[in-house]
Amino acid sequence: MLEVDARGLSCPMPLLKAKKGLNSVNAGERVQVLATDSGSWRDFAVFAEQSGHLLLNAEQNNGEYCYLLEKKAD
């Protein structure tokens, strides 16, 4: 699993870093993204819906957000 640290970055950077991470892994592999931008909560849900990648988990804890994405099959 690839971990992408986007903490401290503002929109749209967490999502752009997630896309870059997903582009670097094979279909079915997972990418975990750590972020602190509150707007990412909505962004990641919409991104998963529109891209077809699976948002397996989304958690918020003390201003930090953690997303687990699975790359869709090609």
PDB file of N, CA and C in Angstrom:
ATOM      1  N   MET A   1       0.849  -1.180   0.000  1.00  0.00           N
ATOM      2  CA  MET A   1       0.000   0.000   0.000  1.00  0.00           C
ATOM      3  C   MET A   1       0.895   1.245   0.000  1.00  0.00           C
ATOM      4  N   LEU A   2       0.528   2.193  -0.833  1.00  0.00           N
ATOM      5  CA  LEU A   2       1.248   3.462  -0.932  1.00  0.00           C
ATOM      6  C   LEU A   2       0.614   4.464   0.027  1.00  0.00           C
ATOM      7  N   GLU A   3       1.435   5.181   0.774  1.00  0.00           N
ATOM      8  CA  GLU A   3       0.921   6.235   1.650  1.00  0.00           C
ATOM      9  C   GLU A   3       1.325   7.594   1.089  1.00  0.00           C
ATOM     10  N   VAL A   4       0.347   8.489   0.984  1.00  0.00           N
ATOM     11  CA  VAL A   4       0.565   9.839   0.477  1.00  0.00           C
ATOM     12  C   VAL A   4       0.303  10.808   1.625  1.00  0.00           C
ATOM     13  N   ASP A   5       1.309  11.607   1.948  1.00  0.00           N
ATOM     14  CA  ASP A   5       1.175  12.578   3.030  1.00  0.00           C
ATOM     15  C   ASP A   5       0.884  13.952   2.426  1.00  0.00           C
ATOM     16  N   ALA A   6      -0.366  14.390   2.556  1.00  0.00           N
ATOM     17  CA  ALA A   6      -0.775  15.692   2.033  1.00  0.00           C
ATOM     18  C   ALA A   6      -1.150  16.635   3.176  1.00  0.00           C
ATOM     19  N   ARG A   7      -0.676  16.337   4.367  1.00  0.00           N
ATOM     20  CA  ARG A   7      -0.968  17.192   5.526  1.00  0.00           C
ATOM     21  C   ARG A   7      -0.330  18.553   5.331  1.00  0.00           C
ATOM     22  N   GLY A   8      -1.065  19.598   5.703  1.00  0.00           N
ATOM     23  CA  GLY A   8      -0.572  20.949   5.587  1.00  0.00           C
ATOM     24  C   GLY A   8      -0.808  21.580   4.216  1.00  0.00           C
ATOM     25  N   LEU A   9      -1.356  20.816   3.293  1.00  0.00           N
ATOM     26  CA  LEU A   9      -1.615  21.329   1.945  1.00  0.00           C
ATOM     27  C   LEU A   9      -3.078  21.698   1.788  1.00  0.00           C
ATOM     28  N   SER A  10      -3.327  22.771   1.054  1.00  0.00           N
ATOM     29  CA  SER A  10      -4.695  23.230   0.807  1.00  0.00           C
ATOM     30  C   SER A  10      -5.226  22.679  -0.507  1.00  0.00           C
ATOM     31  N   CYS A  11      -6.530  22.716  -0.620  1.00  0.00           N
ATOM     32  CA  CYS A  11      -7.226  22.298  -1.826  1.00  0.00           C
ATOM     33  C   CYS A  11      -6.641  23.043  -3.031  1.00  0.00           C
ATOM     34  N   PRO A  12      -6.401  22.388  -4.123  1.00  0.00           N
ATOM     35  CA  PRO A  12      -6.728  21.009  -4.494  1.00  0.00           C
ATOM     36  C   PRO A  12      -5.563  20.042  -4.327  1.00  0.00           C
ATOM     37  N   MET A  13      -4.510  20.426  -3.631  1.00  0.00           N
ATOM     38  CA  MET A  13      -3.297  19.608  -3.563  1.00  0.00           C
ATOM     39  C   MET A  13      -3.492  18.207  -2.982  1.00  0.00           C
ATOM     40  N   PRO A  14      -4.269  18.009  -1.901  1.00  0.00           N
ATOM     41  CA  PRO A  14      -4.438  16.635  -1.418  1.00  0.00           C
ATOM     42  C   PRO A  14      -5.020  15.710  -2.497  1.00  0.00           C
ATOM     43  N   LEU A  15      -5.976  16.210  -3.238  1.00  0.00           N
ATOM     44  CA  LEU A  15      -6.582  15.398  -4.286  1.00  0.00           C
ATOM     45  C   LEU A  15      -5.604  15.157  -5.436  1.00  0.00           C
ATOM     46  N   LEU A  16      -4.847  16.170  -5.805  1.00  0.00           N
ATOM     47  CA  LEU A  16      -3.862  16.001  -6.876  1.00  0.00           C
ATOM     48  C   LEU A  16      -2.778  15.008  -6.473  1.00  0.00           C
ATOM     49  N   LYS A  17      -2.350  15.041  -5.221  1.00  0.00           N
ATOM     50  CA  LYS A  17      -1.352  14.077  -4.746  1.00  0.00           C
ATOM     51  C   LYS A  17      -1.947  12.668  -4.721  1.00  0.00           C
ATOM     52  N   ALA A  18      -3.233  12.552  -4.386  1.00  0.00           N
ATOM     53  CA  ALA A  18      -3.896  11.250  -4.398  1.00  0.00           C
ATOM     54  C   ALA A  18      -3.949  10.700  -5.820  1.00  0.00           C
ATOM     55  N   LYS A  19      -4.296  11.544  -6.784  1.00  0.00           N
ATOM     56  CA  LYS A  19      -4.349  11.114  -8.184  1.00  0.00           C
ATOM     57  C   LYS A  19      -2.980  10.636  -8.651  1.00  0.00           C
ATOM     58  N   LYS A  20      -1.941  11.378  -8.295  1.00  0.00           N
ATOM     59  CA  LYS A  20      -0.583  10.988  -8.669  1.00  0.00           C
ATOM     60  C   LYS A  20      -0.233   9.633  -8.054  1.00  0.00           C
ATOM     61  N   GLY A  21      -0.616   9.447  -6.806  1.00  0.00           N
ATOM     62  CA  GLY A  21      -0.373   8.164  -6.147  1.00  0.00           C
ATOM     63  C   GLY A  21      -1.108   7.030  -6.823  1.00  0.00           C
ATOM     64  N   LEU A  22      -2.360   7.256  -7.166  1.00  0.00           N
ATOM     65  CA  LEU A  22      -3.145   6.217  -7.848  1.00  0.00           C
ATOM     66  C   LEU A  22      -2.553   5.892  -9.214  1.00  0.00           C
ATOM     67  N   ASN A  23      -2.013   6.886  -9.888  1.00  0.00           N
ATOM     68  CA  ASN A  23      -1.393   6.653 -11.196  1.00  0.00           C
ATOM     69  C   ASN A  23      -0.129   5.809 -11.095  1.00  0.00           C
ATOM     70  N   SER A  24       0.468   5.767  -9.917  1.00  0.00           N
ATOM     71  CA  SER A  24       1.728   5.041  -9.754  1.00  0.00           C
ATOM     72  C   SER A  24       1.549   3.601  -9.279  1.00  0.00           C
ATOM     73  N   VAL A  25       0.305   3.189  -9.003  1.00  0.00           N
ATOM     74  CA  VAL A  25       0.060   1.815  -8.542  1.00  0.00           C
ATOM     75  C   VAL A  25      -0.768   1.059  -9.574  1.00  0.00           C
ATOM     76  N   ASN A  26      -0.794  -0.254  -9.408  1.00  0.00           N
ATOM     77  CA  ASN A  26      -1.560  -1.116 -10.307  1.00  0.00           C
ATOM     78  C   ASN A  26      -3.017  -1.207  -9.866  1.00  0.00           C
ATOM     79  N   ALA A  27      -3.872  -1.608 -10.804  1.00  0.00           N
ATOM     80  CA  ALA A  27      -5.294  -1.804 -10.493  1.00  0.00           C
ATOM     81  C   ALA A  27      -5.433  -2.766  -9.314  1.00  0.00           C
ATOM     82  N   GLY A  28      -6.329  -2.432  -8.401  1.00  0.00           N
ATOM     83  CA  GLY A  28      -6.572  -3.261  -7.228  1.00  0.00           C
ATOM     84  C   GLY A  28      -5.691  -2.914  -6.038  1.00  0.00           C
ATOM     85  N   GLU A  29      -4.638  -2.119  -6.262  1.00  0.00           N
ATOM     86  CA  GLU A  29      -3.778  -1.716  -5.156  1.00  0.00           C
ATOM     87  C   GLU A  29      -4.384  -0.518  -4.439  1.00  0.00           C
ATOM     88  N   ARG A  30      -3.904  -0.288  -3.228  1.00  0.00           N
ATOM     89  CA  ARG A  30      -4.499   0.749  -2.381  1.00  0.00           C
ATOM     90  C   ARG A  30      -3.543   1.898  -2.108  1.00  0.00           C
ATOM     91  N   VAL A  31      -4.152   3.070  -1.933  1.00  0.00           N
ATOM     92  CA  VAL A  31      -3.415   4.279  -1.605  1.00  0.00           C
ATOM     93  C   VAL A  31      -4.078   4.907  -0.389  1.00  0.00           C
ATOM     94  N   GLN A  32      -3.287   5.173   0.638  1.00  0.00           N
ATOM     95  CA  GLN A  32      -3.789   5.855   1.832  1.00  0.00           C
ATOM     96  C   GLN A  32      -3.316   7.294   1.774  1.00  0.00           C
ATOM     97  N   VAL A  33      -4.246   8.222   1.966  1.00  0.00           N
ATOM     98  CA  VAL A  33      -3.934   9.645   1.903  1.00  0.00           C
ATOM     99  C   VAL A  33      -4.200  10.283   3.259  1.00  0.00           C
ATOM    100  N   LEU A  34      -3.208  11.024   3.764  1.00  0.00           N
ATOM    101  CA  LEU A  34      -3.355  11.776   5.006  1.00  0.00           C
ATOM    102  C   LEU A  34      -3.455  13.247   4.645  1.00  0.00           C
ATOM    103  N   ALA A  35      -4.449  13.940   5.192  1.00  0.00           N
ATOM    104  CA  ALA A  35      -4.674  15.348   4.859  1.00  0.00           C
ATOM    105  C   ALA A  35      -5.151  16.108   6.088  1.00  0.00           C
ATOM    106  N   THR A  36      -5.015  17.425   6.020  1.00  0.00           N
ATOM    107  CA  THR A  36      -5.525  18.293   7.088  1.00  0.00           C
ATOM    108  C   THR A  36      -6.518  19.317   6.550  1.00  0.00           C
ATOM    109  N   ASP A  37      -6.727  19.350   5.258  1.00  0.00           N
ATOM    110  CA  ASP A  37      -7.657  20.290   4.635  1.00  0.00           C
ATOM    111  C   ASP A  37      -9.088  19.781   4.806  1.00  0.00           C
ATOM    112  N   SER A  38      -9.921  20.548   5.509  1.00  0.00           N
ATOM    113  CA  SER A  38     -11.296  20.104   5.778  1.00  0.00           C
ATOM    114  C   SER A  38     -12.112  19.937   4.498  1.00  0.00           C
ATOM    115  N   GLY A  39     -11.781  20.664   3.451  1.00  0.00           N
ATOM    116  CA  GLY A  39     -12.483  20.525   2.180  1.00  0.00           C
ATOM    117  C   GLY A  39     -12.241  19.191   1.517  1.00  0.00           C
ATOM    118  N   SER A  40     -11.193  18.502   1.932  1.00  0.00           N
ATOM    119  CA  SER A  40     -10.886  17.203   1.325  1.00  0.00           C
ATOM    120  C   SER A  40     -11.976  16.175   1.633  1.00  0.00           C
ATOM    121  N   TRP A  41     -12.705  16.371   2.728  1.00  0.00           N
ATOM    122  CA  TRP A  41     -13.755  15.416   3.109  1.00  0.00           C
ATOM    123  C   TRP A  41     -14.778  15.266   1.973  1.00  0.00           C
ATOM    124  N   ARG A  42     -15.219  16.368   1.444  1.00  0.00           N
ATOM    125  CA  ARG A  42     -16.172  16.349   0.330  1.00  0.00           C
ATOM    126  C   ARG A  42     -15.474  15.953  -0.975  1.00  0.00           C
ATOM    127  N   ASP A  43     -14.286  16.492  -1.177  1.00  0.00           N
ATOM    128  CA  ASP A  43     -13.554  16.269  -2.423  1.00  0.00           C
ATOM    129  C   ASP A  43     -13.298  14.787  -2.690  1.00  0.00           C
ATOM    130  N   PHE A  44     -12.879  14.054  -1.683  1.00  0.00           N
ATOM    131  CA  PHE A  44     -12.537  12.643  -1.899  1.00  0.00           C
ATOM    132  C   PHE A  44     -13.769  11.802  -2.199  1.00  0.00           C
ATOM    133  N   ALA A  45     -14.898  12.108  -1.585  1.00  0.00           N
ATOM    134  CA  ALA A  45     -16.131  11.370  -1.871  1.00  0.00           C
ATOM    135  C   ALA A  45     -16.566  11.595  -3.322  1.00  0.00           C
ATOM    136  N   VAL A  46     -16.526  12.845  -3.755  1.00  0.00           N
ATOM    137  CA  VAL A  46     -16.909  13.181  -5.139  1.00  0.00           C
ATOM    138  C   VAL A  46     -15.918  12.576  -6.123  1.00  0.00           C
ATOM    139  N   PHE A  47     -14.631  12.673  -5.820  1.00  0.00           N
ATOM    140  CA  PHE A  47     -13.598  12.112  -6.696  1.00  0.00           C
ATOM    141  C   PHE A  47     -13.807  10.618  -6.899  1.00  0.00           C
ATOM    142  N   ALA A  48     -14.046   9.885  -5.821  1.00  0.00           N
ATOM    143  CA  ALA A  48     -14.238   8.436  -5.928  1.00  0.00           C
ATOM    144  C   ALA A  48     -15.464   8.120  -6.778  1.00  0.00           C
ATOM    145  N   GLU A  49     -16.539   8.847  -6.565  1.00  0.00           N
ATOM    146  CA  GLU A  49     -17.769   8.622  -7.323  1.00  0.00           C
ATOM    147  C   GLU A  49     -17.547   8.883  -8.811  1.00  0.00           C
ATOM    148  N   GLN A  50     -16.842   9.936  -9.143  1.00  0.00           N
ATOM    149  CA  GLN A  50     -16.658  10.314 -10.542  1.00  0.00           C
ATOM    150  C   GLN A  50     -15.578   9.500 -11.249  1.00  0.00           C
ATOM    151  N   SER A  51     -14.555   9.079 -10.522  1.00  0.00           N
ATOM    152  CA  SER A  51     -13.421   8.385 -11.144  1.00  0.00           C
ATOM    153  C   SER A  51     -13.609   6.874 -11.229  1.00  0.00           C
ATOM    154  N   GLY A  52     -14.453   6.338 -10.358  1.00  0.00           N
ATOM    155  CA  GLY A  52     -14.632   4.890 -10.331  1.00  0.00           C
ATOM    156  C   GLY A  52     -13.695   4.181  -9.361  1.00  0.00           C
ATOM    157  N   HIS A  53     -12.735   4.917  -8.780  1.00  0.00           N
ATOM    158  CA  HIS A  53     -11.889   4.328  -7.748  1.00  0.00           C
ATOM    159  C   HIS A  53     -12.742   4.136  -6.497  1.00  0.00           C
ATOM    160  N   LEU A  54     -12.405   3.149  -5.697  1.00  0.00           N
ATOM    161  CA  LEU A  54     -13.188   2.871  -4.497  1.00  0.00           C
ATOM    162  C   LEU A  54     -12.638   3.642  -3.306  1.00  0.00           C
ATOM    163  N   LEU A  55     -13.519   4.342  -2.616  1.00  0.00           N
ATOM    164  CA  LEU A  55     -13.161   4.970  -1.347  1.00  0.00           C
ATOM    165  C   LEU A  55     -13.546   3.967  -0.271  1.00  0.00           C
ATOM    166  N   LEU A  56     -12.567   3.202   0.187  1.00  0.00           N
ATOM    167  CA  LEU A  56     -12.835   2.110   1.126  1.00  0.00           C
ATOM    168  C   LEU A  56     -13.063   2.608   2.545  1.00  0.00           C
ATOM    169  N   ASN A  57     -12.416   3.728   2.881  1.00  0.00           N
ATOM    170  CA  ASN A  57     -12.544   4.242   4.238  1.00  0.00           C
ATOM    171  C   ASN A  57     -12.207   5.729   4.251  1.00  0.00           C
ATOM    172  N   ALA A  58     -12.916   6.465   5.092  1.00  0.00           N
ATOM    173  CA  ALA A  58     -12.635   7.883   5.313  1.00  0.00           C
ATOM    174  C   ALA A  58     -12.833   8.147   6.800  1.00  0.00           C
ATOM    175  N   GLU A  59     -11.793   8.651   7.432  1.00  0.00           N
ATOM    176  CA  GLU A  59     -11.850   8.921   8.869  1.00  0.00           C
ATOM    177  C   GLU A  59     -11.371  10.333   9.162  1.00  0.00           C
ATOM    178  N   GLN A  60     -11.935  10.901  10.213  1.00  0.00           N
ATOM    179  CA  GLN A  60     -11.511  12.216  10.680  1.00  0.00           C
ATOM    180  C   GLN A  60     -11.170  12.092  12.154  1.00  0.00           C
ATOM    181  N   ASN A  61      -9.997  12.626  12.523  1.00  0.00           N
ATOM    182  CA  ASN A  61      -9.583  12.556  13.915  1.00  0.00           C
ATOM    183  C   ASN A  61      -8.748  13.782  14.258  1.00  0.00           C
ATOM    184  N   ASN A  62      -9.287  14.652  15.110  1.00  0.00           N
ATOM    185  CA  ASN A  62      -8.571  15.853  15.568  1.00  0.00           C
ATOM    186  C   ASN A  62      -8.010  16.694  14.426  1.00  0.00           C
ATOM    187  N   GLY A  63      -8.824  16.941  13.422  1.00  0.00           N
ATOM    188  CA  GLY A  63      -8.404  17.806  12.327  1.00  0.00           C
ATOM    189  C   GLY A  63      -7.546  17.139  11.278  1.00  0.00           C
ATOM    190  N   GLU A  64      -7.373  15.829  11.406  1.00  0.00           N
ATOM    191  CA  GLU A  64      -6.623  15.084  10.405  1.00  0.00           C
ATOM    192  C   GLU A  64      -7.568  14.107   9.723  1.00  0.00           C
ATOM    193  N   TYR A  65      -7.398  13.994   8.423  1.00  0.00           N
ATOM    194  CA  TYR A  65      -8.268  13.133   7.626  1.00  0.00           C
ATOM    195  C   TYR A  65      -7.432  12.019   7.018  1.00  0.00           C
ATOM    196  N   CYS A  66      -8.009  10.832   6.995  1.00  0.00           N
ATOM    197  CA  CYS A  66      -7.326   9.673   6.428  1.00  0.00           C
ATOM    198  C   CYS A  66      -8.282   8.996   5.448  1.00  0.00           C
ATOM    199  N   TYR A  67      -7.821   8.812   4.226  1.00  0.00           N
ATOM    200  CA  TYR A  67      -8.635   8.199   3.170  1.00  0.00           C
ATOM    201  C   TYR A  67      -7.921   6.966   2.646  1.00  0.00           C
ATOM    202  N   LEU A  68      -8.685   5.920   2.418  1.00  0.00           N
ATOM    203  CA  LEU A  68      -8.136   4.714   1.824  1.00  0.00           C
ATOM    204  C   LEU A  68      -8.843   4.480   0.504  1.00  0.00           C
ATOM    205  N   LEU A  69      -8.081   4.549  -0.573  1.00  0.00           N
ATOM    206  CA  LEU A  69      -8.613   4.395  -1.931  1.00  0.00           C
ATOM    207  C   LEU A  69      -8.061   3.122  -2.554  1.00  0.00           C
ATOM    208  N   GLU A  70      -8.878   2.486  -3.362  1.00  0.00           N
ATOM    209  CA  GLU A  70      -8.421   1.330  -4.144  1.00  0.00           C
ATOM    210  C   GLU A  70      -8.554   1.670  -5.620  1.00  0.00           C
ATOM    211  N   LYS A  71      -7.479   1.477  -6.365  1.00  0.00           N
ATOM    212  CA  LYS A  71      -7.487   1.822  -7.778  1.00  0.00           C
ATOM    213  C   LYS A  71      -8.389   0.873  -8.540  1.00  0.00           C
ATOM    214  N   LYS A  72      -9.221   1.448  -9.404  1.00  0.00           N
ATOM    215  CA  LYS A  72     -10.156   0.647 -10.182  1.00  0.00           C
ATOM    216  C   LYS A  72      -9.407  -0.192 -11.213  1.00  0.00           C
ATOM    217  N   ALA A  73     -10.059  -1.258 -11.645  1.00  0.00           N
ATOM    218  CA  ALA A  73      -9.495  -2.097 -12.700  1.00  0.00           C
ATOM    219  C   ALA A  73      -9.450  -1.314 -13.997  1.00  0.00           C
ATOM    220  N   ASP A  74      -8.420  -1.559 -14.776  1.00  0.00           N
ATOM    221  CA  ASP A  74      -8.266  -0.853 -16.057  1.00  0.00           C
ATOM    222  C   ASP A  74      -9.284  -1.295 -17.077  1.00  0.00           C
TER     223      ASP A  74
END
